[in-house]
Protein backbone atom coordinates (compact mmCIF):
# COMPACT_ATOMS: atom_id res chain seq x y z
CA MET A 1 41.33 -75.99 24.59
CA ALA A 2 44.84 -75.02 25.67
CA SER A 3 46.55 -76.59 22.66
CA THR A 4 44.03 -75.04 20.25
CA GLY A 5 44.65 -71.59 21.73
CA GLY A 6 48.42 -72.06 21.39
CA GLU A 7 48.15 -73.08 17.74
CA HIS A 8 45.89 -70.11 17.07
CA THR A 9 48.42 -67.76 18.64
CA VAL A 10 51.34 -69.19 16.66
CA THR A 11 49.41 -68.90 13.38
CA LEU A 12 48.50 -65.26 13.95
CA LEU A 13 52.01 -64.22 14.97
CA ALA A 14 54.06 -66.28 12.53
CA GLY A 15 54.68 -63.47 10.06
CA LEU A 16 55.31 -60.65 12.56
CA PRO A 17 58.68 -59.27 13.74
CA ALA A 18 59.80 -60.38 17.19
CA GLU A 19 58.89 -57.06 18.84
CA ALA A 20 55.43 -57.03 17.28
CA ALA A 21 54.83 -60.67 18.14
CA GLU A 22 55.73 -59.94 21.77
CA ALA A 23 53.43 -56.90 21.86
CA TYR A 24 50.44 -58.78 20.45
CA SER A 25 50.99 -62.18 22.05
CA TYR A 26 48.21 -63.92 23.90
CA THR A 27 48.35 -65.34 27.40
CA THR A 28 49.17 -69.04 27.66
CA ASP A 29 46.83 -69.86 30.56
CA GLY A 30 43.61 -69.64 28.53
CA SER A 31 42.43 -66.40 30.13
CA LEU A 32 39.90 -64.21 28.34
CA ASP A 33 39.36 -60.46 28.04
CA PHE A 34 36.18 -58.58 28.98
CA ASP A 35 34.55 -59.43 25.61
CA GLY A 36 35.26 -63.16 25.95
CA ASN A 37 38.16 -63.24 23.47
CA PRO A 38 41.67 -64.61 24.20
CA ALA A 39 43.47 -62.04 26.36
CA LEU A 40 46.32 -60.01 24.85
CA LYS A 41 49.26 -59.51 27.20
CA ASN A 42 49.87 -55.89 26.25
CA ARG A 43 46.27 -54.82 26.84
CA THR A 44 45.14 -56.84 29.82
CA GLY A 45 46.35 -58.09 33.18
CA GLY A 46 49.60 -57.33 34.94
CA TRP A 47 49.96 -54.33 37.21
CA ARG A 48 47.64 -52.21 35.06
CA ALA A 49 44.80 -54.43 36.27
CA CYS A 50 46.15 -55.22 39.74
CA ARG A 51 46.31 -51.58 40.76
CA SER A 52 42.51 -51.50 40.64
CA VAL A 53 42.26 -54.83 42.46
CA LEU A 54 44.57 -53.54 45.19
CA GLY A 55 42.60 -50.29 45.33
CA THR A 56 39.38 -52.22 45.86
CA GLU A 57 41.06 -54.40 48.49
CA PHE A 58 42.33 -51.30 50.31
CA CYS A 59 38.83 -49.79 50.36
CA TYR A 60 37.10 -52.94 51.54
CA CYS A 61 39.69 -53.48 54.32
CA LEU A 62 39.43 -49.83 55.35
CA ALA A 63 35.63 -50.11 55.52
CA PHE A 64 35.53 -53.48 57.28
CA PHE A 65 38.14 -52.63 59.92
CA GLY A 66 36.53 -49.22 60.37
CA ILE A 67 33.47 -51.02 61.71
CA SER A 68 35.01 -54.05 63.42
CA CYS A 69 37.80 -52.25 65.33
CA ASN A 70 35.45 -50.24 67.52
CA LEU A 71 32.24 -52.26 67.30
CA VAL A 72 32.49 -53.48 70.90
CA THR A 73 32.46 -49.83 72.06
CA TYR A 74 29.28 -49.14 70.06
CA LEU A 75 27.57 -52.21 71.51
CA THR A 76 28.45 -51.36 75.12
CA GLY A 77 28.22 -47.56 74.95
CA VAL A 78 25.22 -47.01 72.63
CA LEU A 79 23.22 -50.25 72.89
CA GLY A 80 24.07 -50.86 76.56
CA GLN A 81 25.21 -54.47 76.17
CA SER A 82 27.32 -56.12 78.85
CA ASN A 83 31.02 -56.72 78.27
CA VAL A 84 30.50 -60.46 77.80
CA ALA A 85 27.52 -60.02 75.44
CA ALA A 86 29.36 -57.40 73.37
CA ALA A 87 32.54 -59.50 73.12
CA ARG A 88 30.47 -62.57 72.19
CA ASN A 89 28.52 -60.68 69.51
CA VAL A 90 31.68 -59.20 67.99
CA SER A 91 33.42 -62.59 67.92
CA THR A 92 30.39 -64.31 66.38
CA TRP A 93 29.97 -61.65 63.68
CA GLN A 94 33.67 -61.65 62.80
CA ALA A 95 33.64 -65.44 62.64
CA THR A 96 30.66 -65.32 60.28
CA CYS A 97 32.55 -62.84 58.09
CA PHE A 98 35.32 -65.41 57.72
CA LEU A 99 32.93 -68.35 57.29
CA MET A 100 30.87 -66.86 54.46
CA PRO A 101 33.79 -66.88 51.96
CA LEU A 102 33.43 -70.65 51.71
CA GLY A 103 29.98 -70.14 50.18
CA GLY A 104 31.24 -67.25 48.09
CA ALA A 105 34.03 -69.41 46.65
CA VAL A 106 31.54 -72.11 45.63
CA VAL A 107 29.30 -69.54 43.91
CA ALA A 108 32.24 -67.95 42.10
CA ASP A 109 33.86 -71.20 40.94
CA SER A 110 30.68 -73.01 39.99
CA TYR A 111 28.28 -70.38 38.63
CA CYS A 112 29.05 -66.67 38.43
CA GLY A 113 32.81 -66.33 38.06
CA ARG A 114 34.98 -64.23 40.35
CA TYR A 115 34.33 -60.82 38.79
CA ARG A 116 30.52 -60.98 38.86
CA THR A 117 30.60 -62.40 42.38
CA MET A 118 32.78 -59.51 43.56
CA VAL A 119 30.59 -56.82 41.99
CA VAL A 120 27.33 -58.21 43.42
CA SER A 121 28.98 -58.79 46.80
CA CYS A 122 30.25 -55.21 46.87
CA PHE A 123 26.70 -53.91 46.32
CA ILE A 124 25.45 -56.05 49.21
CA GLY A 125 28.32 -54.89 51.42
CA VAL A 126 27.62 -51.20 50.70
CA ALA A 127 23.93 -51.73 51.50
CA GLY A 128 24.85 -53.46 54.77
CA MET A 129 27.14 -50.62 55.81
CA LEU A 130 24.44 -48.08 55.07
CA MET A 131 22.15 -50.10 57.36
CA THR A 132 24.68 -49.98 60.19
CA ALA A 133 25.02 -46.22 59.72
CA PHE A 134 21.20 -45.90 59.71
CA SER A 135 21.11 -47.53 63.17
CA ALA A 136 23.18 -44.61 64.47
CA TYR A 137 20.99 -42.01 62.67
CA LEU A 138 17.75 -43.40 64.15
CA PRO A 139 17.86 -41.38 67.42
CA LEU A 140 18.44 -38.24 65.35
CA LEU A 141 15.57 -38.98 62.94
CA VAL A 142 13.00 -40.29 65.46
CA LYS A 143 13.12 -37.98 68.46
CA ASN A 144 9.57 -38.63 69.67
CA GLY A 145 7.27 -41.63 69.81
CA LEU A 146 9.69 -44.29 71.10
CA THR A 147 10.87 -44.97 74.63
CA SER A 148 14.59 -45.24 75.27
CA SER A 149 14.49 -49.03 75.57
CA ALA A 150 12.39 -49.38 72.41
CA MET A 151 14.82 -47.18 70.49
CA VAL A 152 17.76 -49.34 71.62
CA THR A 153 15.87 -52.46 70.50
CA VAL A 154 15.17 -51.00 67.04
CA GLN A 155 18.75 -49.76 66.74
CA GLY A 156 20.07 -53.20 67.63
CA PHE A 157 17.83 -54.91 65.07
CA VAL A 158 18.83 -52.54 62.26
CA LEU A 159 22.50 -52.78 63.26
CA PHE A 160 22.63 -56.58 63.20
CA VAL A 161 20.75 -56.81 59.91
CA GLY A 162 23.37 -54.48 58.46
CA LEU A 163 26.27 -56.37 60.03
CA TYR A 164 25.20 -59.71 58.61
CA MET A 165 24.56 -58.15 55.19
CA ILE A 166 28.19 -57.02 55.39
CA ALA A 167 29.17 -60.62 56.21
CA ILE A 168 27.36 -61.84 53.09
CA GLY A 169 29.07 -59.18 50.99
CA LEU A 170 32.52 -60.05 52.34
CA GLY A 171 31.73 -63.69 51.59
CA GLY A 172 31.96 -62.90 47.90
CA LEU A 173 34.81 -60.39 48.09
CA ARG A 174 37.31 -62.14 50.35
CA PRO A 175 37.85 -65.41 48.44
CA CYS A 176 37.80 -63.74 45.03
CA LEU A 177 39.93 -60.60 45.32
CA MET A 178 43.26 -62.29 46.00
CA SER A 179 42.76 -65.08 43.45
CA PHE A 180 41.35 -62.64 40.86
CA GLY A 181 44.45 -60.47 41.32
CA ALA A 182 46.69 -63.52 40.88
CA ASP A 183 44.76 -64.37 37.69
CA GLN A 184 46.13 -61.16 36.14
CA PHE A 185 49.59 -62.78 35.87
CA ASP A 186 50.25 -65.52 33.30
CA ASP A 187 51.84 -68.59 34.89
CA GLY A 188 53.23 -69.55 31.49
CA ASP A 189 55.29 -66.35 31.31
CA PRO A 190 58.38 -66.52 33.61
CA SER A 191 58.50 -62.73 34.14
CA GLU A 192 54.80 -62.51 35.04
CA ARG A 193 55.04 -65.60 37.25
CA ALA A 194 57.85 -63.97 39.24
CA THR A 195 55.84 -60.75 39.58
CA LYS A 196 52.93 -62.66 41.08
CA GLY A 197 54.91 -63.07 44.32
CA SER A 198 55.19 -59.29 44.60
CA PHE A 199 51.43 -59.00 44.22
CA PHE A 200 50.84 -61.19 47.29
CA ASN A 201 53.33 -59.11 49.30
CA TRP A 202 51.58 -55.87 48.35
CA TYR A 203 48.20 -57.46 49.06
CA ILE A 204 49.12 -58.25 52.69
CA PHE A 205 50.92 -54.92 53.12
CA ASN A 206 47.87 -53.08 51.72
CA MET A 207 45.55 -54.88 54.11
CA ASN A 208 47.52 -53.84 57.17
CA CYS A 209 47.92 -50.24 55.99
CA ALA A 210 44.13 -50.04 55.67
CA SER A 211 43.76 -51.57 59.12
CA LEU A 212 46.16 -49.00 60.54
CA ILE A 213 44.19 -46.08 59.09
CA SER A 214 40.91 -47.59 60.32
CA SER A 215 42.09 -48.22 63.86
CA THR A 216 43.34 -44.63 64.16
CA GLY A 217 41.52 -42.29 61.76
CA ILE A 218 38.05 -43.84 61.55
CA VAL A 219 38.01 -44.77 65.25
CA TRP A 220 39.01 -41.17 66.03
CA VAL A 221 36.07 -39.88 63.93
CA GLN A 222 33.70 -42.24 65.75
CA ASP A 223 34.94 -41.09 69.17
CA HIS A 224 35.00 -37.35 68.40
CA TYR A 225 32.27 -36.77 65.79
CA GLY A 226 29.76 -39.46 66.70
CA TRP A 227 28.68 -42.81 65.40
CA ALA A 228 26.43 -41.49 62.65
CA LEU A 229 29.36 -40.01 60.72
CA GLY A 230 31.76 -42.69 61.93
CA LEU A 231 29.66 -45.48 60.41
CA THR A 232 28.84 -43.55 57.22
CA VAL A 233 32.51 -43.18 56.28
CA PRO A 234 33.06 -46.97 55.79
CA ALA A 235 30.01 -47.17 53.50
CA VAL A 236 31.33 -44.33 51.32
CA VAL A 237 34.80 -45.93 51.22
CA LEU A 238 33.44 -49.33 50.12
CA ALA A 239 31.32 -47.62 47.42
CA ALA A 240 34.54 -45.99 46.16
CA GLY A 241 36.15 -49.44 46.07
CA LEU A 242 33.28 -50.78 43.97
CA SER A 243 33.72 -47.90 41.52
CA CYS A 244 37.46 -48.63 41.33
CA LEU A 245 36.77 -52.30 40.57
CA VAL A 246 34.23 -51.63 37.83
CA ALA A 247 36.16 -48.76 36.20
CA ALA A 248 39.04 -51.05 35.18
CA SER A 249 36.85 -53.89 33.88
CA ARG A 250 38.29 -53.88 30.36
CA THR A 251 41.87 -54.33 31.63
CA TYR A 252 41.15 -57.58 33.49
CA ARG A 253 41.85 -61.16 32.49
CA PHE A 254 39.05 -63.61 33.25
CA GLN A 255 39.19 -67.37 33.87
CA ARG A 256 36.48 -69.79 32.82
CA THR A 257 34.46 -71.42 35.60
CA ARG A 258 35.40 -75.09 35.97
CA GLY A 259 33.08 -76.29 38.73
CA SER A 260 33.52 -76.40 42.47
CA PRO A 261 36.33 -78.48 44.02
CA LEU A 262 33.99 -79.12 46.96
CA THR A 263 31.89 -81.25 44.63
CA ARG A 264 34.95 -83.38 43.85
CA VAL A 265 35.52 -83.90 47.57
CA CYS A 266 31.93 -84.99 48.14
CA GLN A 267 32.11 -87.37 45.16
CA VAL A 268 35.05 -89.25 46.72
CA VAL A 269 33.23 -89.68 50.04
CA VAL A 270 29.98 -90.81 48.42
CA ALA A 271 31.70 -93.22 46.02
CA ALA A 272 33.78 -94.76 48.85
CA VAL A 273 30.79 -95.18 51.16
CA ARG A 274 28.75 -96.81 48.39
CA LYS A 275 31.48 -99.47 48.10
CA PHE A 276 31.92 -99.91 51.85
CA SER A 277 31.78 -103.72 51.65
CA VAL A 278 34.19 -103.99 48.69
CA ASP A 279 37.75 -105.06 49.56
CA THR A 280 40.53 -102.70 48.56
CA PRO A 281 42.97 -104.40 46.14
CA ALA A 282 46.60 -104.76 47.25
CA ASP A 283 47.76 -103.82 43.76
CA SER A 284 47.12 -100.09 43.22
CA SER A 285 47.37 -100.52 39.43
CA LEU A 286 43.91 -102.11 39.58
CA LEU A 287 42.39 -98.81 40.70
CA TYR A 288 40.63 -96.64 38.12
CA ASP A 289 42.83 -93.92 36.63
CA MET A 290 42.44 -91.25 33.98
CA LEU A 291 42.79 -92.02 30.31
CA GLU A 292 45.68 -90.37 28.50
CA ASP A 293 43.35 -87.85 26.83
CA ASP A 294 42.05 -86.81 30.24
CA HIS A 295 45.52 -85.89 31.50
CA VAL A 296 45.69 -82.76 29.36
CA GLY A 297 45.87 -79.83 31.81
CA VAL A 298 45.26 -82.13 34.79
CA PRO A 299 48.45 -83.10 36.70
CA ARG A 300 48.47 -86.74 37.75
CA ILE A 301 48.95 -87.46 41.47
CA GLU A 302 50.49 -90.81 42.27
CA HIS A 303 48.69 -93.24 44.55
CA THR A 304 49.62 -93.29 48.27
CA THR A 305 49.13 -96.13 50.71
CA ASP A 306 47.52 -94.33 53.67
CA LEU A 307 43.81 -93.60 54.16
CA ARG A 308 43.07 -96.73 52.14
CA PHE A 309 39.32 -96.64 52.84
CA PHE A 310 38.92 -93.83 50.31
CA ASP A 311 40.67 -95.93 47.65
CA LYS A 312 37.32 -97.74 47.43
CA ALA A 313 36.06 -94.73 45.42
CA ALA A 314 38.44 -95.76 42.62
CA ILE A 315 37.59 -99.48 42.60
CA LEU A 316 35.93 -100.76 39.44
CA VAL A 317 33.02 -103.05 40.32
CA ALA A 318 31.03 -105.07 37.79
CA SER A 319 28.43 -102.36 37.06
CA ASP A 320 31.16 -99.73 36.55
CA LYS A 321 33.03 -101.97 34.10
CA GLU A 322 29.89 -102.46 32.01
CA VAL A 323 29.36 -98.71 31.70
CA GLU A 324 33.04 -98.12 30.97
CA ALA A 325 33.04 -100.74 28.18
CA ALA A 326 29.79 -99.54 26.57
CA ALA A 327 31.05 -96.36 24.89
CA ALA A 328 33.77 -93.78 25.45
CA PRO A 329 31.38 -90.80 25.87
CA ALA A 330 29.29 -92.67 28.42
CA ARG A 331 31.67 -92.36 31.37
CA THR A 332 30.70 -93.65 34.78
CA SER A 333 29.28 -91.03 37.11
CA PRO A 334 31.97 -89.64 39.46
CA TRP A 335 29.48 -90.13 42.28
CA ARG A 336 30.01 -93.87 41.69
CA LEU A 337 33.59 -94.07 40.45
CA CYS A 338 36.46 -91.57 40.95
CA VAL A 339 39.90 -91.56 39.37
CA VAL A 340 43.00 -92.05 41.54
CA THR A 341 44.07 -88.41 41.18
CA GLN A 342 40.70 -87.22 42.53
CA VAL A 343 40.99 -89.60 45.51
CA GLU A 344 44.53 -88.37 46.21
CA GLU A 345 43.31 -84.77 46.15
CA PHE A 346 40.88 -85.67 48.91
CA LYS A 347 43.61 -87.47 50.90
CA ILE A 348 45.81 -84.37 50.82
CA LEU A 349 42.95 -82.34 52.27
CA VAL A 350 42.38 -84.89 55.06
CA ARG A 351 46.10 -84.95 55.98
CA MET A 352 46.12 -81.19 56.47
CA LEU A 353 43.06 -81.07 58.74
CA PRO A 354 44.87 -81.83 62.07
CA LEU A 355 47.32 -79.00 61.38
CA TRP A 356 44.43 -76.73 60.43
CA ALA A 357 42.69 -77.53 63.73
CA SER A 358 45.79 -76.46 65.65
CA VAL A 359 45.81 -73.11 63.84
CA VAL A 360 42.18 -72.46 64.87
CA PHE A 361 43.14 -71.70 68.48
CA PHE A 362 45.52 -68.97 67.29
CA TYR A 363 42.53 -67.10 65.87
CA ALA A 364 40.52 -67.66 69.05
CA VAL A 365 43.26 -65.64 70.79
CA SER A 366 43.38 -63.11 67.92
CA ALA A 367 39.68 -62.44 68.52
CA GLN A 368 40.63 -60.99 71.92
CA VAL A 369 42.38 -58.08 70.16
CA THR A 370 39.00 -56.56 69.25
CA SER A 371 37.07 -57.75 72.32
CA THR A 372 38.62 -58.38 75.75
CA PHE A 373 41.76 -56.36 74.97
CA VAL A 374 39.55 -53.35 74.17
CA GLU A 375 37.45 -53.91 77.29
CA GLN A 376 40.64 -54.08 79.36
CA GLY A 377 41.78 -50.81 77.78
CA MET A 378 38.44 -49.16 78.63
CA ALA A 379 39.18 -49.81 82.32
CA MET A 380 42.59 -48.10 82.09
CA ASP A 381 43.86 -44.53 81.87
CA ALA A 382 43.56 -43.64 78.18
CA THR A 383 45.10 -40.17 78.54
CA VAL A 384 48.60 -39.77 77.10
CA GLY A 385 49.77 -36.23 77.78
CA SER A 386 46.91 -34.02 76.64
CA VAL A 387 45.53 -36.57 74.18
CA ARG A 388 42.95 -39.26 74.92
CA VAL A 389 43.79 -42.51 73.11
CA PRO A 390 40.69 -44.56 72.18
CA PRO A 391 41.25 -48.09 73.59
CA ALA A 392 40.36 -49.63 70.20
CA SER A 393 43.23 -47.65 68.63
CA MET A 394 45.75 -49.65 70.66
CA SER A 395 45.47 -52.31 67.94
CA THR A 396 47.73 -49.90 66.02
CA PHE A 397 50.67 -51.58 67.75
CA ASP A 398 49.53 -54.93 66.33
CA ILE A 399 49.28 -53.50 62.82
CA LEU A 400 52.52 -51.51 62.97
CA THR A 401 54.35 -54.65 64.06
CA ILE A 402 53.05 -56.48 60.99
CA ILE A 403 53.89 -53.61 58.62
CA LEU A 404 57.45 -53.41 59.98
CA LEU A 405 58.14 -57.14 60.22
CA VAL A 406 56.83 -58.30 56.81
CA PRO A 407 59.58 -56.54 54.77
CA LEU A 408 62.21 -57.37 57.43
CA TYR A 409 61.24 -61.04 57.35
CA ASP A 410 61.29 -61.14 53.55
CA ARG A 411 64.46 -59.06 52.96
CA ALA A 412 66.62 -59.86 55.97
CA PHE A 413 65.55 -63.01 57.82
CA VAL A 414 64.84 -65.27 54.82
CA PRO A 415 68.22 -64.67 53.06
CA ALA A 416 70.11 -65.17 56.35
CA ALA A 417 68.18 -68.34 57.22
CA ARG A 418 68.59 -69.62 53.65
CA ARG A 419 72.38 -69.49 54.01
CA LEU A 420 72.19 -71.50 57.23
CA THR A 421 69.55 -74.09 56.29
CA GLY A 422 69.80 -74.28 52.51
CA ARG A 423 66.02 -74.00 52.25
CA GLU A 424 64.55 -71.72 49.59
CA LYS A 425 62.30 -70.02 52.17
CA GLY A 426 64.81 -70.10 55.02
CA ILE A 427 62.64 -72.25 57.28
CA SER A 428 59.75 -74.55 56.47
CA GLU A 429 56.16 -73.35 56.61
CA LEU A 430 55.45 -75.66 59.54
CA GLN A 431 58.40 -74.28 61.51
CA ARG A 432 57.16 -70.76 60.80
CA ILE A 433 53.65 -71.62 61.97
CA GLY A 434 54.96 -73.35 65.09
CA VAL A 435 56.97 -70.31 66.22
CA GLY A 436 53.93 -68.15 65.47
CA LEU A 437 51.70 -70.32 67.66
CA ALA A 438 53.98 -69.59 70.62
CA MET A 439 53.26 -65.86 70.35
CA PRO A 440 49.62 -66.00 71.61
CA VAL A 441 50.87 -67.80 74.73
CA LEU A 442 53.27 -64.94 75.44
CA ALA A 443 50.61 -62.33 74.56
CA MET A 444 48.08 -63.86 76.94
CA ALA A 445 50.69 -64.05 79.71
CA ALA A 446 51.56 -60.38 79.17
CA ALA A 447 47.86 -59.41 79.25
CA ALA A 448 47.32 -61.45 82.45
CA LEU A 449 50.29 -59.85 84.22
CA LEU A 450 49.09 -56.39 83.18
CA GLU A 451 45.56 -57.11 84.42
CA THR A 452 46.90 -58.31 87.77
CA ALA A 453 48.91 -55.09 88.12
CA ARG A 454 45.89 -53.00 87.07
CA LEU A 455 43.65 -54.59 89.71
CA ARG A 456 46.23 -53.90 92.41
CA ALA A 457 46.59 -50.24 91.38
CA ALA A 458 44.06 -47.46 91.88
CA PRO A 459 41.06 -47.62 89.49
CA ASN A 460 41.79 -46.18 86.02
CA SER A 461 45.35 -45.23 87.00
CA THR A 462 47.26 -47.71 84.83
CA SER A 463 48.22 -46.26 81.45
CA VAL A 464 46.65 -47.92 78.42
CA LEU A 465 50.09 -47.84 76.75
CA TRP A 466 51.08 -50.83 78.91
CA GLN A 467 48.94 -52.89 76.53
CA ALA A 468 51.43 -52.29 73.70
CA PRO A 469 53.52 -55.47 74.35
CA GLN A 470 50.54 -57.83 74.14
CA TYR A 471 49.39 -56.21 70.88
CA ALA A 472 52.93 -56.35 69.44
CA LEU A 473 53.27 -60.04 70.34
CA MET A 474 50.02 -60.79 68.51
CA GLY A 475 51.42 -58.90 65.51
CA VAL A 476 54.52 -61.11 65.48
CA GLY A 477 52.27 -64.16 65.66
CA GLU A 478 50.22 -62.99 62.69
CA VAL A 479 53.31 -62.40 60.53
CA LEU A 480 54.48 -65.94 61.25
CA THR A 481 51.24 -67.93 61.53
CA THR A 482 48.80 -66.18 59.18
CA ILE A 483 51.14 -65.82 56.21
CA GLY A 484 52.79 -69.16 57.00
CA GLN A 485 49.55 -71.13 57.02
CA LEU A 486 48.30 -69.51 53.80
CA ASP A 487 51.63 -70.39 52.15
CA PHE A 488 51.47 -73.93 53.54
CA PHE A 489 47.91 -74.72 52.50
CA TYR A 490 48.37 -73.20 49.04
CA GLY A 491 51.73 -74.91 48.45
CA GLN A 492 50.65 -78.36 49.62
CA ALA A 493 47.39 -78.33 47.67
CA PRO A 494 47.06 -80.03 44.26
CA ALA A 495 46.28 -77.79 41.30
CA ALA A 496 42.57 -78.66 41.32
CA MET A 497 42.13 -77.69 44.99
CA LYS A 498 44.19 -74.50 45.40
CA THR A 499 41.10 -72.38 46.11
CA VAL A 500 39.64 -74.79 48.66
CA CYS A 501 42.91 -75.23 50.54
CA THR A 502 43.55 -71.49 50.58
CA ALA A 503 40.00 -71.01 51.91
CA LEU A 504 40.98 -73.20 54.86
CA GLY A 505 42.87 -70.17 56.16
CA LEU A 506 39.71 -68.04 56.22
CA LEU A 507 37.75 -70.94 57.67
CA ALA A 508 40.31 -71.21 60.50
CA ILE A 509 39.70 -67.55 61.35
CA ALA A 510 35.95 -68.19 61.42
CA ALA A 511 36.32 -71.28 63.59
CA GLY A 512 38.61 -69.34 65.93
CA GLY A 513 35.98 -66.63 66.33
CA TYR A 514 33.29 -69.16 67.18
CA LEU A 515 35.68 -70.89 69.60
CA SER A 516 36.30 -67.52 71.29
CA SER A 517 32.54 -66.98 71.68
CA PHE A 518 32.14 -70.46 73.15
CA LEU A 519 34.99 -69.95 75.64
CA LEU A 520 33.62 -66.57 76.75
CA THR A 521 30.16 -68.08 77.25
CA ALA A 522 31.56 -71.09 79.13
CA VAL A 523 33.67 -68.90 81.42
CA GLN A 524 30.71 -66.65 82.21
CA TRP A 525 28.48 -69.66 82.92
CA ALA A 526 31.09 -71.31 85.15
CA THR A 527 32.21 -68.26 87.13
CA ALA A 528 29.13 -66.03 87.44
CA THR A 529 27.13 -68.34 89.71
CA GLY A 530 25.53 -67.78 93.11
CA GLY A 531 25.54 -64.01 92.70
CA ALA A 532 29.30 -63.86 91.98
CA PRO A 533 30.34 -61.25 89.40
CA GLY A 534 32.39 -63.79 87.42
CA TRP A 535 35.72 -63.32 85.73
CA ILE A 536 34.46 -60.80 83.15
CA PRO A 537 31.76 -58.59 84.75
CA ASP A 538 30.61 -55.22 83.42
CA ASP A 539 32.89 -53.57 85.97
CA LEU A 540 36.26 -55.26 85.41
CA ASN A 541 37.47 -53.94 88.76
CA GLU A 542 35.15 -56.49 90.39
CA GLY A 543 36.24 -59.41 88.19
CA HIS A 544 39.29 -61.44 87.30
CA LEU A 545 39.98 -60.95 83.61
CA ASP A 546 43.56 -62.00 84.42
CA ARG A 547 42.34 -65.54 85.13
CA PHE A 548 40.70 -65.71 81.72
CA PHE A 549 43.98 -64.62 80.11
CA TRP A 550 45.94 -67.24 82.09
CA MET A 551 43.43 -69.89 81.00
CA MET A 552 43.96 -68.92 77.35
CA ALA A 553 47.75 -69.06 77.84
CA GLY A 554 47.47 -72.58 79.28
CA LEU A 555 45.25 -73.74 76.42
CA GLY A 556 47.75 -72.17 74.02
CA CYS A 557 50.55 -74.31 75.48
CA LEU A 558 48.48 -77.47 74.99
CA ASN A 559 47.65 -76.40 71.44
CA LEU A 560 51.33 -75.79 70.65
CA MET A 561 52.24 -79.30 71.85
CA ALA A 562 49.43 -80.80 69.74
CA PHE A 563 50.65 -78.88 66.68
CA GLY A 564 54.23 -80.07 67.22
CA SER A 565 53.06 -83.68 67.39
CA CYS A 566 51.03 -83.34 64.17
CA ALA A 567 53.82 -81.46 62.35
CA ARG A 568 56.40 -84.17 63.15
CA ARG A 569 54.14 -86.85 61.65
CA TYR A 570 53.10 -84.83 58.60
CA LYS A 571 54.66 -85.97 55.31
CA SER A 572 55.17 -82.96 53.09
CA ARG A 573 54.14 -83.50 49.49
CA LYS A 574 56.29 -82.09 46.74
CA GLY A 575 55.15 -81.05 43.35
CA CYS A 576 51.45 -81.12 44.09
């Protein structure tokens, strides 16, 4: 298909002047326009399309963070949940929001395409946010006929239905928006390929600007004008993002669906297990590889000698040889026989898993920013001068740190480090992640020291501003670890698995949220026995939240050592 499109382009443009040929040239990556025709560079893609993508991303981040930043306050203050239950519910919901994109990616790649998936997901997200707002309107609409406890039960049911509808909606938006924006730049055009890097920078910058506005403006509306209005605003904002996405439909470039990479992974496992008793040949040239015609548009990956069990998926047994010799169109099912390149794709994924597991703990600590950090702030003096600072707004220090450090890292640190190390990116992705993993240890230690000082002082006399260092340290960690791991997984992945390996980043956030919920539950079970209030009671003045923070700092040290061990053994792959 790619060669046919190129010949078609050359034929059409052969008789035109250079300027006209440039103006009416087609993209070289096989992308299509809204009507299904080859995409023209001067009418589709580029920044004209990405402005709408970034606008939609800004709206969805503003809406999502507008709910998640202060959700623990709604659960404890309106629904009367305990601190542990509220923190657990927030962590579980946030983890689900980062787990659902795996399903959304499969739907987009295999069936619907990214654009349709995003539009449908946006509709579901708007409906979910309207449901969460409706839970706050219920006491205003139904003033008689329900007891207080019954009203709280109904509110909780409506709220959680809405929250998990939002999770489903984000499952389609999150994995598609960034990749759909990157699709608007032609990799075959050097100028557009260079511009793609700027798009990723603006994407991350945009996300944190939206988070900043949410954690200040929307949280302020929720605290001063009530939850009904405070939860309606995110729904209106996301609806505006949907309108922005649809309005620019004719300027987008679209990629054909090529099937899910997850299917390719499963095929390798199934094919290898089916040949469990077959011996792996010492000569790798005996393994099944692609024919020359099959290499068009599919980069070959050379065979490696580790993880040899999965080489069995590429072994030709007698039944496979009969099918292969029968006729060229009748190829052996990939569930029985995989090519070497497909097996190597799976091996790359397996090699990255230990490093991915080490990153998970970072996000278990990050989950404390919107749970135990907020609960700690609620037990402190939130008055600064004549202004009351909502405890959830303290995450502003986390966001501001990211907004300030991203351009400094890119414009100042990388060039300086490049001169010292000779590396294109200054330091390797694994070094960047490793330094980032040290930040949660320092943040937890700072939070523990602050909590110890708070418990020794008079109740509610310690200023909430003392939380700023722990939030700032988490911001430094996110600049290093979050961006570093996305860069690492995307760069190490083969071409056929870029989406899956990038999704590992979102999956790590989900796993970290679930790990946070598990740790909170385990701590409550272990410490709140025999009538003891436990480490994290409803009244933090009676507990020991500092011990929980010290425990997380200790686990963070162990995690950092495990990551260092895995990183030293990891063999970086070039040109994948």
